[in-house]
Amino acid sequence: MTASGLGKAADDNTSLRADIEELKKQVRKANEWKMADSTVHLAGSDTFGYTDRRNSEKGTFSVDSFFPIFDYQFKTC
């Protein structure tokens, strides 16, 4: 890479760092996330089994079923 190429890369890097710092300031000032109008909750259940025969060196796990639950709530004013 030439000297002018290295200088341009350094300038790009400096510019990128300045952009990141500006975004950090904007995020700190933003208060929308503190007063969310909606919430998300992820839960669920499953059933599984474990089988091990007598005098066996290894047992086995099995997943029988999985039931994911996704809750979304929107606050109304």
N, C-alpha and C. Protein backbone atom coordinates (compact mmCIF):
# COMPACT_ATOMS: atom_id res chain seq x y z
N MET A 1 0.86 -1.17 0.00
CA MET A 1 0.00 0.00 0.00
C MET A 1 0.90 1.23 0.00
N THR A 2 0.53 2.22 -0.76
CA THR A 2 1.33 3.43 -0.86
C THR A 2 1.09 4.32 0.35
N ALA A 3 1.97 5.31 0.50
CA ALA A 3 1.84 6.24 1.62
C ALA A 3 0.53 7.00 1.55
N SER A 4 0.11 7.37 0.34
CA SER A 4 -1.16 8.09 0.20
C SER A 4 -2.33 7.16 0.54
N GLY A 5 -2.18 5.88 0.22
CA GLY A 5 -3.22 4.91 0.56
C GLY A 5 -3.35 4.73 2.07
N LEU A 6 -2.19 4.72 2.77
CA LEU A 6 -2.21 4.61 4.23
C LEU A 6 -2.83 5.84 4.87
N GLY A 7 -2.54 7.00 4.31
CA GLY A 7 -3.11 8.24 4.84
C GLY A 7 -4.62 8.26 4.68
N LYS A 8 -5.10 7.80 3.52
CA LYS A 8 -6.54 7.75 3.27
C LYS A 8 -7.21 6.76 4.22
N ALA A 9 -6.58 5.62 4.46
CA ALA A 9 -7.13 4.62 5.38
C ALA A 9 -7.20 5.19 6.79
N ALA A 10 -6.17 5.93 7.21
CA ALA A 10 -6.17 6.54 8.54
C ALA A 10 -7.28 7.58 8.65
N ASP A 11 -7.48 8.37 7.58
CA ASP A 11 -8.55 9.37 7.58
C ASP A 11 -9.91 8.70 7.66
N ASP A 12 -10.09 7.61 6.91
CA ASP A 12 -11.35 6.87 6.95
C ASP A 12 -11.61 6.32 8.35
N ASN A 13 -10.56 5.81 8.98
CA ASN A 13 -10.68 5.25 10.32
C ASN A 13 -11.05 6.33 11.33
N THR A 14 -10.42 7.50 11.21
CA THR A 14 -10.72 8.63 12.10
C THR A 14 -12.16 9.08 11.91
N SER A 15 -12.59 9.16 10.67
CA SER A 15 -13.96 9.55 10.36
C SER A 15 -14.96 8.54 10.93
N LEU A 16 -14.65 7.27 10.79
CA LEU A 16 -15.51 6.21 11.31
C LEU A 16 -15.62 6.29 12.83
N ARG A 17 -14.51 6.53 13.49
CA ARG A 17 -14.54 6.66 14.96
C ARG A 17 -15.39 7.86 15.39
N ALA A 18 -15.29 8.96 14.67
CA ALA A 18 -16.09 10.14 14.98
C ALA A 18 -17.58 9.84 14.80
N ASP A 19 -17.92 9.10 13.74
CA ASP A 19 -19.32 8.72 13.51
C ASP A 19 -19.84 7.83 14.64
N ILE A 20 -19.03 6.90 15.10
CA ILE A 20 -19.42 6.00 16.18
C ILE A 20 -19.65 6.79 17.47
N GLU A 21 -18.76 7.73 17.77
CA GLU A 21 -18.93 8.54 18.98
C GLU A 21 -20.20 9.38 18.91
N GLU A 22 -20.52 9.91 17.73
CA GLU A 22 -21.76 10.68 17.56
C GLU A 22 -22.99 9.79 17.77
N LEU A 23 -22.95 8.58 17.25
CA LEU A 23 -24.06 7.65 17.46
C LEU A 23 -24.22 7.29 18.94
N LYS A 24 -23.11 7.11 19.64
CA LYS A 24 -23.17 6.83 21.08
C LYS A 24 -23.87 7.96 21.82
N LYS A 25 -23.55 9.20 21.47
CA LYS A 25 -24.19 10.36 22.11
C LYS A 25 -25.69 10.36 21.84
N GLN A 26 -26.08 10.05 20.61
CA GLN A 26 -27.50 10.03 20.26
C GLN A 26 -28.24 8.94 21.03
N VAL A 27 -27.62 7.79 21.19
CA VAL A 27 -28.25 6.69 21.93
C VAL A 27 -28.43 7.06 23.39
N ARG A 28 -27.43 7.72 23.97
CA ARG A 28 -27.53 8.13 25.37
C ARG A 28 -28.68 9.12 25.58
N LYS A 29 -28.90 10.02 24.61
CA LYS A 29 -29.98 11.01 24.73
C LYS A 29 -31.35 10.43 24.47
N ALA A 30 -31.44 9.36 23.69
CA ALA A 30 -32.73 8.79 23.31
C ALA A 30 -33.39 8.17 24.53
N ASN A 31 -34.65 8.50 24.75
CA ASN A 31 -35.37 7.97 25.90
C ASN A 31 -36.53 7.06 25.50
N GLU A 32 -36.71 6.83 24.21
CA GLU A 32 -37.85 6.02 23.78
C GLU A 32 -37.82 4.62 24.38
N TRP A 33 -36.64 4.04 24.49
CA TRP A 33 -36.55 2.67 24.99
C TRP A 33 -36.91 2.58 26.46
N LYS A 34 -36.86 3.71 27.18
CA LYS A 34 -37.24 3.70 28.60
C LYS A 34 -38.75 3.71 28.77
N MET A 35 -39.47 4.16 27.74
CA MET A 35 -40.92 4.23 27.81
C MET A 35 -41.52 3.41 26.67
N ALA A 36 -41.23 2.16 26.66
CA ALA A 36 -41.66 1.29 25.56
C ALA A 36 -43.18 1.14 25.54
N ASP A 37 -43.73 1.12 24.33
CA ASP A 37 -45.17 0.91 24.17
C ASP A 37 -45.50 -0.55 23.97
N SER A 38 -44.50 -1.38 23.92
CA SER A 38 -44.76 -2.80 23.72
C SER A 38 -43.74 -3.62 24.49
N THR A 39 -44.12 -4.85 24.77
CA THR A 39 -43.21 -5.77 25.44
C THR A 39 -43.25 -7.11 24.73
N VAL A 40 -42.16 -7.82 24.82
CA VAL A 40 -42.05 -9.13 24.21
C VAL A 40 -41.61 -10.12 25.29
N HIS A 41 -42.21 -11.26 25.29
CA HIS A 41 -41.86 -12.30 26.26
C HIS A 41 -41.74 -13.62 25.51
N LEU A 42 -40.63 -14.28 25.68
CA LEU A 42 -40.40 -15.56 25.02
C LEU A 42 -40.30 -16.63 26.09
N ALA A 43 -41.11 -17.63 25.99
CA ALA A 43 -41.12 -18.72 26.96
C ALA A 43 -41.38 -20.02 26.21
N GLY A 44 -41.62 -21.07 26.95
CA GLY A 44 -41.95 -22.32 26.30
C GLY A 44 -41.70 -23.50 27.22
N SER A 45 -42.00 -24.65 26.71
CA SER A 45 -41.76 -25.87 27.48
C SER A 45 -41.43 -26.99 26.51
N ASP A 46 -40.90 -28.03 27.08
CA ASP A 46 -40.61 -29.20 26.25
C ASP A 46 -40.69 -30.44 27.14
N THR A 47 -40.70 -31.55 26.51
CA THR A 47 -40.63 -32.81 27.25
C THR A 47 -39.47 -33.60 26.69
N PHE A 48 -38.76 -34.25 27.57
CA PHE A 48 -37.64 -35.05 27.13
C PHE A 48 -37.52 -36.27 28.04
N GLY A 49 -36.75 -37.20 27.60
CA GLY A 49 -36.56 -38.42 28.37
C GLY A 49 -35.10 -38.82 28.42
N TYR A 50 -34.78 -39.66 29.36
CA TYR A 50 -33.44 -40.20 29.48
C TYR A 50 -33.58 -41.70 29.70
N THR A 51 -32.89 -42.46 28.90
CA THR A 51 -32.95 -43.91 28.99
C THR A 51 -31.55 -44.46 29.25
N ASP A 52 -31.47 -45.34 30.23
CA ASP A 52 -30.19 -45.97 30.54
C ASP A 52 -30.47 -47.40 31.00
N ARG A 53 -30.02 -48.36 30.24
CA ARG A 53 -30.22 -49.76 30.62
C ARG A 53 -29.22 -50.15 31.71
N ARG A 54 -29.59 -51.12 32.48
CA ARG A 54 -28.67 -51.61 33.51
C ARG A 54 -27.40 -52.14 32.85
N ASN A 55 -26.30 -51.86 33.50
CA ASN A 55 -24.98 -52.30 33.03
C ASN A 55 -24.62 -51.73 31.66
N SER A 56 -25.27 -50.66 31.27
CA SER A 56 -24.96 -50.01 30.00
C SER A 56 -23.93 -48.91 30.26
N GLU A 57 -23.08 -48.69 29.28
CA GLU A 57 -22.07 -47.65 29.45
C GLU A 57 -22.57 -46.29 29.02
N LYS A 58 -23.63 -46.23 28.24
CA LYS A 58 -24.13 -44.91 27.87
C LYS A 58 -25.65 -44.90 27.83
N GLY A 59 -26.17 -43.79 28.32
CA GLY A 59 -27.60 -43.57 28.25
C GLY A 59 -27.90 -42.65 27.09
N THR A 60 -29.16 -42.47 26.81
CA THR A 60 -29.55 -41.60 25.70
C THR A 60 -30.63 -40.63 26.15
N PHE A 61 -30.56 -39.44 25.63
CA PHE A 61 -31.58 -38.43 25.83
C PHE A 61 -32.47 -38.39 24.60
N SER A 62 -33.72 -38.07 24.79
CA SER A 62 -34.62 -37.89 23.66
C SER A 62 -35.52 -36.69 23.93
N VAL A 63 -35.73 -35.89 22.90
CA VAL A 63 -36.65 -34.76 23.00
C VAL A 63 -37.95 -35.19 22.36
N ASP A 64 -39.01 -35.20 23.15
CA ASP A 64 -40.29 -35.66 22.63
C ASP A 64 -41.06 -34.55 21.93
N SER A 65 -41.10 -33.37 22.53
CA SER A 65 -41.82 -32.27 21.90
C SER A 65 -41.33 -30.94 22.46
N PHE A 66 -41.54 -29.90 21.69
CA PHE A 66 -41.12 -28.56 22.08
C PHE A 66 -42.27 -27.60 21.79
N PHE A 67 -42.61 -26.77 22.76
CA PHE A 67 -43.73 -25.84 22.62
C PHE A 67 -43.28 -24.42 22.90
N PRO A 68 -42.83 -23.69 21.88
CA PRO A 68 -42.42 -22.30 22.12
C PRO A 68 -43.65 -21.41 22.29
N ILE A 69 -43.51 -20.41 23.14
CA ILE A 69 -44.59 -19.44 23.37
C ILE A 69 -43.99 -18.05 23.16
N PHE A 70 -44.59 -17.28 22.30
CA PHE A 70 -44.13 -15.92 22.01
C PHE A 70 -45.27 -14.98 22.34
N ASP A 71 -45.08 -14.15 23.37
CA ASP A 71 -46.11 -13.19 23.78
C ASP A 71 -45.69 -11.80 23.35
N TYR A 72 -46.61 -11.06 22.78
CA TYR A 72 -46.37 -9.67 22.40
C TYR A 72 -47.50 -8.85 22.97
N GLN A 73 -47.17 -7.80 23.71
CA GLN A 73 -48.19 -6.94 24.30
C GLN A 73 -47.94 -5.51 23.88
N PHE A 74 -48.96 -4.86 23.40
CA PHE A 74 -48.88 -3.46 23.01
C PHE A 74 -49.72 -2.65 23.98
N LYS A 75 -49.12 -1.66 24.59
CA LYS A 75 -49.84 -0.83 25.57
C LYS A 75 -50.76 0.13 24.82
N THR A 76 -51.99 0.23 25.28
CA THR A 76 -52.92 1.21 24.72
C THR A 76 -53.10 2.33 25.73
N CYS A 77 -53.11 3.53 25.23
CA CYS A 77 -53.23 4.69 26.13
C CYS A 77 -54.67 5.07 26.37
